[in-house]
Amino acid sequence: METVDREVRLEKQLLRQKRRLSRKEQNSNNSKAVLEKIKKIENKLDNVYNDYMNKCISVVIKSNPSCVVIVENNQKFLQKYYEFVIRMKVRCKMHGIEFKVLNTYA
């Protein structure tokens, strides 16, 4: 829950800073400062996503399964969770666990 709360807080901060940026004159020092804050918040959000993804993968790998199967319902699934699927595949290969992706839309 802490990850979700932090994610929500960072997303609110990001929206607030983007609204501030829209009111600033372009290429001014004030707008550059706000852009730096936006980049920092986006970086923190990426770190939260990556941390959560790695923790989820770690929990699955530590349960020592013989096979991991991911079922994708549509093409958008792979687009949205592509990085997760790739990381899971690599970690399964490192630990000698069979990995499968089932296509139900084909």
PDB file of N, CA and C in Angstrom:
ATOM      1  N   MET A   1       0.819  -1.201   0.000  1.00  0.00           N
ATOM      2  CA  MET A   1       0.000   0.000   0.000  1.00  0.00           C
ATOM      3  C   MET A   1       0.859   1.261   0.000  1.00  0.00           C
ATOM      4  N   GLU A   2       2.028   1.170   0.609  1.00  0.00           N
ATOM      5  CA  GLU A   2       2.899   2.338   0.663  1.00  0.00           C
ATOM      6  C   GLU A   2       3.296   2.772  -0.742  1.00  0.00           C
ATOM      7  N   THR A   3       3.535   1.798  -1.624  1.00  0.00           N
ATOM      8  CA  THR A   3       3.912   2.112  -2.999  1.00  0.00           C
ATOM      9  C   THR A   3       2.781   2.829  -3.713  1.00  0.00           C
ATOM     10  N   VAL A   4       1.559   2.368  -3.507  1.00  0.00           N
ATOM     11  CA  VAL A   4       0.409   2.983  -4.160  1.00  0.00           C
ATOM     12  C   VAL A   4       0.209   4.404  -3.643  1.00  0.00           C
ATOM     13  N   ASP A   5       0.329   4.601  -2.340  1.00  0.00           N
ATOM     14  CA  ASP A   5       0.167   5.938  -1.767  1.00  0.00           C
ATOM     15  C   ASP A   5       1.227   6.892  -2.306  1.00  0.00           C
ATOM     16  N   ARG A   6       2.449   6.403  -2.389  1.00  0.00           N
ATOM     17  CA  ARG A   6       3.529   7.254  -2.893  1.00  0.00           C
ATOM     18  C   ARG A   6       3.320   7.581  -4.366  1.00  0.00           C
ATOM     19  N   GLU A   7       2.846   6.590  -5.116  1.00  0.00           N
ATOM     20  CA  GLU A   7       2.582   6.803  -6.539  1.00  0.00           C
ATOM     21  C   GLU A   7       1.497   7.861  -6.737  1.00  0.00           C
ATOM     22  N   VAL A   8       0.439   7.774  -5.971  1.00  0.00           N
ATOM     23  CA  VAL A   8      -0.659   8.745  -6.072  1.00  0.00           C
ATOM     24  C   VAL A   8      -0.161  10.144  -5.711  1.00  0.00           C
ATOM     25  N   ARG A   9       0.626  10.233  -4.650  1.00  0.00           N
ATOM     26  CA  ARG A   9       1.154  11.532  -4.226  1.00  0.00           C
ATOM     27  C   ARG A   9       2.051  12.141  -5.305  1.00  0.00           C
ATOM     28  N   LEU A  10       2.913  11.320  -5.900  1.00  0.00           N
ATOM     29  CA  LEU A  10       3.805  11.823  -6.948  1.00  0.00           C
ATOM     30  C   LEU A  10       3.037  12.232  -8.200  1.00  0.00           C
ATOM     31  N   GLU A  11       1.990  11.476  -8.542  1.00  0.00           N
ATOM     32  CA  GLU A  11       1.192  11.843  -9.712  1.00  0.00           C
ATOM     33  C   GLU A  11       0.464  13.168  -9.491  1.00  0.00           C
ATOM     34  N   LYS A  12      -0.014  13.398  -8.268  1.00  0.00           N
ATOM     35  CA  LYS A  12      -0.641  14.688  -7.958  1.00  0.00           C
ATOM     36  C   LYS A  12       0.362  15.819  -8.060  1.00  0.00           C
ATOM     37  N   GLN A  13       1.580  15.593  -7.547  1.00  0.00           N
ATOM     38  CA  GLN A  13       2.625  16.613  -7.643  1.00  0.00           C
ATOM     39  C   GLN A  13       2.958  16.906  -9.097  1.00  0.00           C
ATOM     40  N   LEU A  14       3.013  15.859  -9.903  1.00  0.00           N
ATOM     41  CA  LEU A  14       3.332  16.028 -11.313  1.00  0.00           C
ATOM     42  C   LEU A  14       2.273  16.869 -12.019  1.00  0.00           C
ATOM     43  N   LEU A  15       1.006  16.571 -11.771  1.00  0.00           N
ATOM     44  CA  LEU A  15      -0.073  17.360 -12.377  1.00  0.00           C
ATOM     45  C   LEU A  15      -0.017  18.819 -11.934  1.00  0.00           C
ATOM     46  N   ARG A  16       0.266  19.019 -10.665  1.00  0.00           N
ATOM     47  CA  ARG A  16       0.350  20.391 -10.130  1.00  0.00           C
ATOM     48  C   ARG A  16       1.479  21.165 -10.812  1.00  0.00           C
ATOM     49  N   GLN A  17       2.635  20.518 -10.970  1.00  0.00           N
ATOM     50  CA  GLN A  17       3.770  21.198 -11.600  1.00  0.00           C
ATOM     51  C   GLN A  17       3.503  21.460 -13.083  1.00  0.00           C
ATOM     52  N   LYS A  18       2.802  20.549 -13.748  1.00  0.00           N
ATOM     53  CA  LYS A  18       2.464  20.777 -15.162  1.00  0.00           C
ATOM     54  C   LYS A  18       1.503  21.943 -15.319  1.00  0.00           C
ATOM     55  N   ARG A  19       0.574  22.085 -14.372  1.00  0.00           N
ATOM     56  CA  ARG A  19      -0.319  23.256 -14.412  1.00  0.00           C
ATOM     57  C   ARG A  19       0.468  24.536 -14.195  1.00  0.00           C
ATOM     58  N   ARG A  20       1.423  24.490 -13.257  1.00  0.00           N
ATOM     59  CA  ARG A  20       2.271  25.664 -13.012  1.00  0.00           C
ATOM     60  C   ARG A  20       3.054  26.036 -14.268  1.00  0.00           C
ATOM     61  N   LEU A  21       3.561  25.019 -14.952  1.00  0.00           N
ATOM     62  CA  LEU A  21       4.349  25.260 -16.158  1.00  0.00           C
ATOM     63  C   LEU A  21       3.512  25.910 -17.252  1.00  0.00           C
ATOM     64  N   SER A  22       2.254  25.507 -17.347  1.00  0.00           N
ATOM     65  CA  SER A  22       1.395  26.061 -18.400  1.00  0.00           C
ATOM     66  C   SER A  22       1.151  27.557 -18.198  1.00  0.00           C
ATOM     67  N   ARG A  23       1.282  28.035 -16.963  1.00  0.00           N
ATOM     68  CA  ARG A  23       1.073  29.456 -16.687  1.00  0.00           C
ATOM     69  C   ARG A  23       2.346  30.288 -16.842  1.00  0.00           C
ATOM     70  N   LYS A  24       3.491  29.621 -17.001  1.00  0.00           N
ATOM     71  CA  LYS A  24       4.760  30.344 -17.095  1.00  0.00           C
ATOM     72  C   LYS A  24       5.041  30.741 -18.542  1.00  0.00           C
ATOM     73  N   GLU A  25       5.820  31.786 -18.676  1.00  0.00           N
ATOM     74  CA  GLU A  25       6.258  32.213 -20.001  1.00  0.00           C
ATOM     75  C   GLU A  25       7.324  31.225 -20.488  1.00  0.00           C
ATOM     76  N   GLN A  26       7.242  30.856 -21.761  1.00  0.00           N
ATOM     77  CA  GLN A  26       8.163  29.866 -22.292  1.00  0.00           C
ATOM     78  C   GLN A  26       9.595  30.380 -22.299  1.00  0.00           C
ATOM     79  N   ASN A  27      10.527  29.478 -22.042  1.00  0.00           N
ATOM     80  CA  ASN A  27      11.967  29.756 -22.036  1.00  0.00           C
ATOM     81  C   ASN A  27      12.398  30.782 -20.993  1.00  0.00           C
ATOM     82  N   SER A  28      11.597  31.019 -19.999  1.00  0.00           N
ATOM     83  CA  SER A  28      12.005  31.901 -18.910  1.00  0.00           C
ATOM     84  C   SER A  28      12.712  31.065 -17.843  1.00  0.00           C
ATOM     85  N   ASN A  29      13.399  31.727 -16.958  1.00  0.00           N
ATOM     86  CA  ASN A  29      14.086  31.002 -15.887  1.00  0.00           C
ATOM     87  C   ASN A  29      13.102  30.264 -14.989  1.00  0.00           C
ATOM     88  N   ASN A  30      11.937  30.871 -14.769  1.00  0.00           N
ATOM     89  CA  ASN A  30      10.910  30.227 -13.945  1.00  0.00           C
ATOM     90  C   ASN A  30      10.405  28.940 -14.594  1.00  0.00           C
ATOM     91  N   SER A  31      10.192  28.983 -15.900  1.00  0.00           N
ATOM     92  CA  SER A  31       9.701  27.784 -16.580  1.00  0.00           C
ATOM     93  C   SER A  31      10.766  26.691 -16.581  1.00  0.00           C
ATOM     94  N   LYS A  32      12.030  27.081 -16.693  1.00  0.00           N
ATOM     95  CA  LYS A  32      13.110  26.088 -16.659  1.00  0.00           C
ATOM     96  C   LYS A  32      13.189  25.414 -15.294  1.00  0.00           C
ATOM     97  N   ALA A  33      12.970  26.191 -14.243  1.00  0.00           N
ATOM     98  CA  ALA A  33      12.996  25.624 -12.892  1.00  0.00           C
ATOM     99  C   ALA A  33      11.852  24.627 -12.702  1.00  0.00           C
ATOM    100  N   VAL A  34      10.679  24.976 -13.217  1.00  0.00           N
ATOM    101  CA  VAL A  34       9.530  24.076 -13.098  1.00  0.00           C
ATOM    102  C   VAL A  34       9.766  22.814 -13.927  1.00  0.00           C
ATOM    103  N   LEU A  35      10.377  22.961 -15.104  1.00  0.00           N
ATOM    104  CA  LEU A  35      10.703  21.791 -15.923  1.00  0.00           C
ATOM    105  C   LEU A  35      11.649  20.842 -15.200  1.00  0.00           C
ATOM    106  N   GLU A  36      12.605  21.395 -14.478  1.00  0.00           N
ATOM    107  CA  GLU A  36      13.518  20.557 -13.699  1.00  0.00           C
ATOM    108  C   GLU A  36      12.766  19.785 -12.616  1.00  0.00           C
ATOM    109  N   LYS A  37      11.814  20.453 -11.965  1.00  0.00           N
ATOM    110  CA  LYS A  37      11.011  19.770 -10.947  1.00  0.00           C
ATOM    111  C   LYS A  37      10.182  18.654 -11.565  1.00  0.00           C
ATOM    112  N   ILE A  38       9.641  18.911 -12.753  1.00  0.00           N
ATOM    113  CA  ILE A  38       8.837  17.900 -13.447  1.00  0.00           C
ATOM    114  C   ILE A  38       9.700  16.688 -13.780  1.00  0.00           C
ATOM    115  N   LYS A  39      10.898  16.922 -14.278  1.00  0.00           N
ATOM    116  CA  LYS A  39      11.795  15.816 -14.616  1.00  0.00           C
ATOM    117  C   LYS A  39      12.141  14.996 -13.381  1.00  0.00           C
ATOM    118  N   LYS A  40      12.362  15.681 -12.262  1.00  0.00           N
ATOM    119  CA  LYS A  40      12.707  14.990 -11.019  1.00  0.00           C
ATOM    120  C   LYS A  40      11.542  14.122 -10.533  1.00  0.00           C
ATOM    121  N   ILE A  41      10.320  14.655 -10.630  1.00  0.00           N
ATOM    122  CA  ILE A  41       9.146  13.898 -10.196  1.00  0.00           C
ATOM    123  C   ILE A  41       8.924  12.694 -11.115  1.00  0.00           C
ATOM    124  N   GLU A  42       9.095  12.895 -12.435  1.00  0.00           N
ATOM    125  CA  GLU A  42       8.936  11.783 -13.371  1.00  0.00           C
ATOM    126  C   GLU A  42       9.972  10.692 -13.108  1.00  0.00           C
ATOM    127  N   ASN A  43      11.183  11.098 -12.774  1.00  0.00           N
ATOM    128  CA  ASN A  43      12.227  10.135 -12.446  1.00  0.00           C
ATOM    129  C   ASN A  43      11.857   9.334 -11.190  1.00  0.00           C
ATOM    130  N   LYS A  44      11.327  10.020 -10.176  1.00  0.00           N
ATOM    131  CA  LYS A  44      10.900   9.333  -8.956  1.00  0.00           C
ATOM    132  C   LYS A  44       9.773   8.345  -9.251  1.00  0.00           C
ATOM    133  N   LEU A  45       8.826   8.745 -10.112  1.00  0.00           N
ATOM    134  CA  LEU A  45       7.732   7.852 -10.483  1.00  0.00           C
ATOM    135  C   LEU A  45       8.262   6.609 -11.190  1.00  0.00           C
ATOM    136  N   ASP A  46       9.210   6.798 -12.099  1.00  0.00           N
ATOM    137  CA  ASP A  46       9.816   5.653 -12.778  1.00  0.00           C
ATOM    138  C   ASP A  46      10.476   4.720 -11.775  1.00  0.00           C
ATOM    139  N   ASN A  47      11.151   5.291 -10.783  1.00  0.00           N
ATOM    140  CA  ASN A  47      11.801   4.471  -9.763  1.00  0.00           C
ATOM    141  C   ASN A  47      10.784   3.679  -8.945  1.00  0.00           C
ATOM    142  N   VAL A  48       9.648   4.292  -8.641  1.00  0.00           N
ATOM    143  CA  VAL A  48       8.595   3.597  -7.889  1.00  0.00           C
ATOM    144  C   VAL A  48       8.048   2.441  -8.716  1.00  0.00           C
ATOM    145  N   TYR A  49       7.791   2.671 -10.014  1.00  0.00           N
ATOM    146  CA  TYR A  49       7.282   1.611 -10.881  1.00  0.00           C
ATOM    147  C   TYR A  49       8.283   0.459 -10.977  1.00  0.00           C
ATOM    148  N   ASN A  50       9.550   0.803 -11.190  1.00  0.00           N
ATOM    149  CA  ASN A  50      10.578  -0.228 -11.321  1.00  0.00           C
ATOM    150  C   ASN A  50      10.741  -1.024 -10.032  1.00  0.00           C
ATOM    151  N   ASP A  51      10.695  -0.339  -8.903  1.00  0.00           N
ATOM    152  CA  ASP A  51      10.828  -1.005  -7.612  1.00  0.00           C
ATOM    153  C   ASP A  51       9.686  -1.992  -7.402  1.00  0.00           C
ATOM    154  N   TYR A  52       8.470  -1.558  -7.685  1.00  0.00           N
ATOM    155  CA  TYR A  52       7.308  -2.421  -7.510  1.00  0.00           C
ATOM    156  C   TYR A  52       7.383  -3.626  -8.445  1.00  0.00           C
ATOM    157  N   MET A  53       7.795  -3.381  -9.688  1.00  0.00           N
ATOM    158  CA  MET A  53       7.908  -4.458 -10.662  1.00  0.00           C
ATOM    159  C   MET A  53       8.939  -5.497 -10.196  1.00  0.00           C
ATOM    160  N   ASN A  54      10.078  -5.020  -9.735  1.00  0.00           N
ATOM    161  CA  ASN A  54      11.120  -5.933  -9.271  1.00  0.00           C
ATOM    162  C   ASN A  54      10.678  -6.716  -8.035  1.00  0.00           C
ATOM    163  N   LYS A  55       9.937  -6.076  -7.139  1.00  0.00           N
ATOM    164  CA  LYS A  55       9.444  -6.781  -5.952  1.00  0.00           C
ATOM    165  C   LYS A  55       8.442  -7.868  -6.330  1.00  0.00           C
ATOM    166  N   CYS A  56       7.557  -7.575  -7.291  1.00  0.00           N
ATOM    167  CA  CYS A  56       6.586  -8.579  -7.736  1.00  0.00           C
ATOM    168  C   CYS A  56       7.286  -9.779  -8.362  1.00  0.00           C
ATOM    169  N   ILE A  57       8.264  -9.500  -9.210  1.00  0.00           N
ATOM    170  CA  ILE A  57       9.016 -10.581  -9.854  1.00  0.00           C
ATOM    171  C   ILE A  57       9.763 -11.394  -8.804  1.00  0.00           C
ATOM    172  N   SER A  58      10.344 -10.731  -7.818  1.00  0.00           N
ATOM    173  CA  SER A  58      11.090 -11.412  -6.772  1.00  0.00           C
ATOM    174  C   SER A  58      10.192 -12.353  -5.973  1.00  0.00           C
ATOM    175  N   VAL A  59       8.980 -11.923  -5.671  1.00  0.00           N
ATOM    176  CA  VAL A  59       8.052 -12.770  -4.917  1.00  0.00           C
ATOM    177  C   VAL A  59       7.731 -14.029  -5.711  1.00  0.00           C
ATOM    178  N   VAL A  60       7.504 -13.883  -7.012  1.00  0.00           N
ATOM    179  CA  VAL A  60       7.188 -15.045  -7.847  1.00  0.00           C
ATOM    180  C   VAL A  60       8.377 -15.998  -7.912  1.00  0.00           C
ATOM    181  N   ILE A  61       9.571 -15.451  -8.127  1.00  0.00           N
ATOM    182  CA  ILE A  61      10.767 -16.286  -8.268  1.00  0.00           C
ATOM    183  C   ILE A  61      11.090 -17.002  -6.947  1.00  0.00           C
ATOM    184  N   LYS A  62      10.917 -16.323  -5.813  1.00  0.00           N
ATOM    185  CA  LYS A  62      11.228 -16.929  -4.516  1.00  0.00           C
ATOM    186  C   LYS A  62      10.270 -18.058  -4.142  1.00  0.00           C
ATOM    187  N   SER A  63       9.088 -18.089  -4.760  1.00  0.00           N
ATOM    188  CA  SER A  63       8.158 -19.180  -4.476  1.00  0.00           C
ATOM    189  C   SER A  63       8.583 -20.478  -5.167  1.00  0.00           C
ATOM    190  N   ASN A  64       9.642 -20.401  -5.980  1.00  0.00           N
ATOM    191  CA  ASN A  64      10.272 -21.553  -6.632  1.00  0.00           C
ATOM    192  C   ASN A  64       9.290 -22.380  -7.458  1.00  0.00           C
ATOM    193  N   PRO A  65       8.632 -21.760  -8.454  1.00  0.00           N
ATOM    194  CA  PRO A  65       7.707 -22.522  -9.293  1.00  0.00           C
ATOM    195  C   PRO A  65       8.473 -23.325 -10.348  1.00  0.00           C
ATOM    196  N   SER A  66       7.820 -24.324 -10.909  1.00  0.00           N
ATOM    197  CA  SER A  66       8.450 -25.076 -11.997  1.00  0.00           C
ATOM    198  C   SER A  66       8.196 -24.394 -13.330  1.00  0.00           C
ATOM    199  N   CYS A  67       7.110 -23.616 -13.395  1.00  0.00           N
ATOM    200  CA  CYS A  67       6.756 -22.931 -14.634  1.00  0.00           C
ATOM    201  C   CYS A  67       5.990 -21.655 -14.304  1.00  0.00           C
ATOM    202  N   VAL A  68       6.247 -20.588 -15.064  1.00  0.00           N
ATOM    203  CA  VAL A  68       5.507 -19.334 -14.923  1.00  0.00           C
ATOM    204  C   VAL A  68       4.765 -19.096 -16.232  1.00  0.00           C
ATOM    205  N   VAL A  69       3.444 -18.901 -16.136  1.00  0.00           N
ATOM    206  CA  VAL A  69       2.623 -18.688 -17.324  1.00  0.00           C
ATOM    207  C   VAL A  69       1.927 -17.338 -17.197  1.00  0.00           C
ATOM    208  N   ILE A  70       2.073 -16.517 -18.235  1.00  0.00           N
ATOM    209  CA  ILE A  70       1.372 -15.237 -18.294  1.00  0.00           C
ATOM    210  C   ILE A  70       0.363 -15.331 -19.425  1.00  0.00           C
ATOM    211  N   VAL A  71      -0.894 -15.060 -19.114  1.00  0.00           N
ATOM    212  CA  VAL A  71      -1.958 -15.114 -20.111  1.00  0.00           C
ATOM    213  C   VAL A  71      -2.275 -13.688 -20.530  1.00  0.00           C
ATOM    214  N   GLU A  72      -2.159 -13.422 -21.825  1.00  0.00           N
ATOM    215  CA  GLU A  72      -2.489 -12.094 -22.322  1.00  0.00           C
ATOM    216  C   GLU A  72      -3.850 -12.153 -23.000  1.00  0.00           C
ATOM    217  N   ASN A  73      -4.698 -11.211 -22.665  1.00  0.00           N
ATOM    218  CA  ASN A  73      -6.062 -11.205 -23.188  1.00  0.00           C
ATOM    219  C   ASN A  73      -6.176 -10.512 -24.537  1.00  0.00           C
ATOM    220  N   ASN A  74      -5.319  -9.531 -24.769  1.00  0.00           N
ATOM    221  CA  ASN A  74      -5.378  -8.814 -26.036  1.00  0.00           C
ATOM    222  C   ASN A  74      -3.995  -8.260 -26.373  1.00  0.00           C
ATOM    223  N   GLN A  75      -3.893  -7.641 -27.531  1.00  0.00           N
ATOM    224  CA  GLN A  75      -2.610  -7.122 -27.984  1.00  0.00           C
ATOM    225  C   GLN A  75      -2.121  -5.967 -27.108  1.00  0.00           C
ATOM    226  N   LYS A  76      -3.040  -5.195 -26.550  1.00  0.00           N
ATOM    227  CA  LYS A  76      -2.661  -4.061 -25.711  1.00  0.00           C
ATOM    228  C   LYS A  76      -1.957  -4.522 -24.430  1.00  0.00           C
ATOM    229  N   PHE A  77      -2.243  -5.738 -24.009  1.00  0.00           N
ATOM    230  CA  PHE A  77      -1.603  -6.274 -22.803  1.00  0.00           C
ATOM    231  C   PHE A  77      -0.095  -6.258 -22.949  1.00  0.00           C
ATOM    232  N   LEU A  78       0.400  -6.802 -24.064  1.00  0.00           N
ATOM    233  CA  LEU A  78       1.842  -6.859 -24.262  1.00  0.00           C
ATOM    234  C   LEU A  78       2.441  -5.468 -24.382  1.00  0.00           C
ATOM    235  N   GLN A  79       1.729  -4.548 -24.988  1.00  0.00           N
ATOM    236  CA  GLN A  79       2.246  -3.189 -25.122  1.00  0.00           C
ATOM    237  C   GLN A  79       2.382  -2.526 -23.759  1.00  0.00           C
ATOM    238  N   LYS A  80       1.400  -2.737 -22.896  1.00  0.00           N
ATOM    239  CA  LYS A  80       1.395  -2.073 -21.601  1.00  0.00           C
ATOM    240  C   LYS A  80       2.377  -2.720 -20.622  1.00  0.00           C
ATOM    241  N   TYR A  81       2.460  -4.040 -20.627  1.00  0.00           N
ATOM    242  CA  TYR A  81       3.280  -4.750 -19.658  1.00  0.00           C
ATOM    243  C   TYR A  81       4.498  -5.408 -20.305  1.00  0.00           C
ATOM    244  N   TYR A  82       4.958  -4.882 -21.406  1.00  0.00           N
ATOM    245  CA  TYR A  82       6.069  -5.470 -22.151  1.00  0.00           C
ATOM    246  C   TYR A  82       7.328  -5.559 -21.284  1.00  0.00           C
ATOM    247  N   GLU A  83       7.637  -4.480 -20.585  1.00  0.00           N
ATOM    248  CA  GLU A  83       8.848  -4.467 -19.761  1.00  0.00           C
ATOM    249  C   GLU A  83       8.764  -5.510 -18.641  1.00  0.00           C
ATOM    250  N   PHE A  84       7.589  -5.644 -18.035  1.00  0.00           N
ATOM    251  CA  PHE A  84       7.413  -6.644 -16.983  1.00  0.00           C
ATOM    252  C   PHE A  84       7.620  -8.050 -17.537  1.00  0.00           C
ATOM    253  N   VAL A  85       7.042  -8.330 -18.695  1.00  0.00           N
ATOM    254  CA  VAL A  85       7.152  -9.658 -19.300  1.00  0.00           C
ATOM    255  C   VAL A  85       8.610  -9.967 -19.629  1.00  0.00           C
ATOM    256  N   ILE A  86       9.328  -8.997 -20.185  1.00  0.00           N
ATOM    257  CA  ILE A  86      10.730  -9.206 -20.534  1.00  0.00           C
ATOM    258  C   ILE A  86      11.567  -9.464 -19.281  1.00  0.00           C
ATOM    259  N   ARG A  87      11.359  -8.665 -18.234  1.00  0.00           N
ATOM    260  CA  ARG A  87      12.115  -8.862 -16.995  1.00  0.00           C
ATOM    261  C   ARG A  87      11.810 -10.209 -16.359  1.00  0.00           C
ATOM    262  N   MET A  88      10.543 -10.594 -16.385  1.00  0.00           N
ATOM    263  CA  MET A  88      10.149 -11.890 -15.817  1.00  0.00           C
ATOM    264  C   MET A  88      10.803 -13.023 -16.607  1.00  0.00           C
ATOM    265  N   LYS A  89      10.837 -12.891 -17.919  1.00  0.00           N
ATOM    266  CA  LYS A  89      11.449 -13.918 -18.763  1.00  0.00           C
ATOM    267  C   LYS A  89      12.934 -14.074 -18.441  1.00  0.00           C
ATOM    268  N   VAL A  90      13.623 -12.949 -18.282  1.00  0.00           N
ATOM    269  CA  VAL A  90      15.062 -12.988 -17.982  1.00  0.00           C
ATOM    270  C   VAL A  90      15.314 -13.626 -16.617  1.00  0.00           C
ATOM    271  N   ARG A  91      14.535 -13.225 -15.607  1.00  0.00           N
ATOM    272  CA  ARG A  91      14.731 -13.770 -14.264  1.00  0.00           C
ATOM    273  C   ARG A  91      14.413 -15.263 -14.214  1.00  0.00           C
ATOM    274  N   CYS A  92      13.387 -15.683 -14.957  1.00  0.00           N
ATOM    275  CA  CYS A  92      13.059 -17.111 -15.002  1.00  0.00           C
ATOM    276  C   CYS A  92      14.195 -17.893 -15.650  1.00  0.00           C
ATOM    277  N   LYS A  93      14.754 -17.330 -16.715  1.00  0.00           N
ATOM    278  CA  LYS A  93      15.863 -18.002 -17.395  1.00  0.00           C
ATOM    279  C   LYS A  93      17.070 -18.111 -16.470  1.00  0.00           C
ATOM    280  N   MET A  94      17.346 -17.059 -15.685  1.00  0.00           N
ATOM    281  CA  MET A  94      18.475 -17.079 -14.749  1.00  0.00           C
ATOM    282  C   MET A  94      18.320 -18.169 -13.701  1.00  0.00           C
ATOM    283  N   HIS A  95      17.078 -18.434 -13.266  1.00  0.00           N
ATOM    284  CA  HIS A  95      16.830 -19.399 -12.196  1.00  0.00           C
ATOM    285  C   HIS A  95      16.395 -20.768 -12.723  1.00  0.00           C
ATOM    286  N   GLY A  96      16.423 -20.947 -14.048  1.00  0.00           N
ATOM    287  CA  GLY A  96      16.070 -22.240 -14.626  1.00  0.00           C
ATOM    288  C   GLY A  96      14.601 -22.571 -14.534  1.00  0.00           C
ATOM    289  N   ILE A  97      13.747 -21.566 -14.601  1.00  0.00           N
ATOM    290  CA  ILE A  97      12.297 -21.761 -14.520  1.00  0.00           C
ATOM    291  C   ILE A  97      11.711 -21.594 -15.916  1.00  0.00           C
ATOM    292  N   GLU A  98      10.822 -22.506 -16.291  1.00  0.00           N
ATOM    293  CA  GLU A  98      10.183 -22.419 -17.608  1.00  0.00           C
ATOM    294  C   GLU A  98       9.220 -21.229 -17.626  1.00  0.00           C
ATOM    295  N   PHE A  99       9.210 -20.502 -18.745  1.00  0.00           N
ATOM    296  CA  PHE A  99       8.374 -19.300 -18.869  1.00  0.00           C
ATOM    297  C   PHE A  99       7.561 -19.395 -20.148  1.00  0.00           C
ATOM    298  N   LYS A 100       6.246 -19.134 -20.043  1.00  0.00           N
ATOM    299  CA  LYS A 100       5.364 -19.178 -21.212  1.00  0.00           C
ATOM    300  C   LYS A 100       4.447 -17.977 -21.219  1.00  0.00           C
ATOM    301  N   VAL A 101       4.148 -17.490 -22.434  1.00  0.00           N
ATOM    302  CA  VAL A 101       3.139 -16.447 -22.627  1.00  0.00           C
ATOM    303  C   VAL A 101       2.064 -17.047 -23.513  1.00  0.00           C
ATOM    304  N   LEU A 102       0.840 -17.138 -22.990  1.00  0.00           N
ATOM    305  CA  LEU A 102      -0.279 -17.708 -23.748  1.00  0.00           C
ATOM    306  C   LEU A 102      -1.050 -16.585 -24.430  1.00  0.00           C
ATOM    307  N   ASN A 103      -1.281 -16.738 -25.720  1.00  0.00           N
ATOM    308  CA  ASN A 103      -2.064 -15.768 -26.480  1.00  0.00           C
ATOM    309  C   ASN A 103      -3.486 -16.264 -26.590  1.00  0.00           C
ATOM    310  N   THR A 104      -4.432 -15.568 -25.986  1.00  0.00           N
ATOM    311  CA  THR A 104      -5.834 -15.987 -26.066  1.00  0.00           C
ATOM    312  C   THR A 104      -6.573 -15.225 -27.141  1.00  0.00           C
ATOM    313  N   TYR A 105      -5.959 -14.183 -27.701  1.00  0.00           N
ATOM    314  CA  TYR A 105      -6.641 -13.374 -28.708  1.00  0.00           C
ATOM    315  C   TYR A 105      -6.403 -13.891 -30.120  1.00  0.00           C
ATOM    316  N   ALA A 106      -5.480 -14.824 -30.299  1.00  0.00           N
ATOM    317  CA  ALA A 106      -5.144 -15.314 -31.645  1.00  0.00           C
ATOM    318  C   ALA A 106      -6.127 -16.345 -32.119  1.00  0.00           C
TER     319      ALA A 106
END
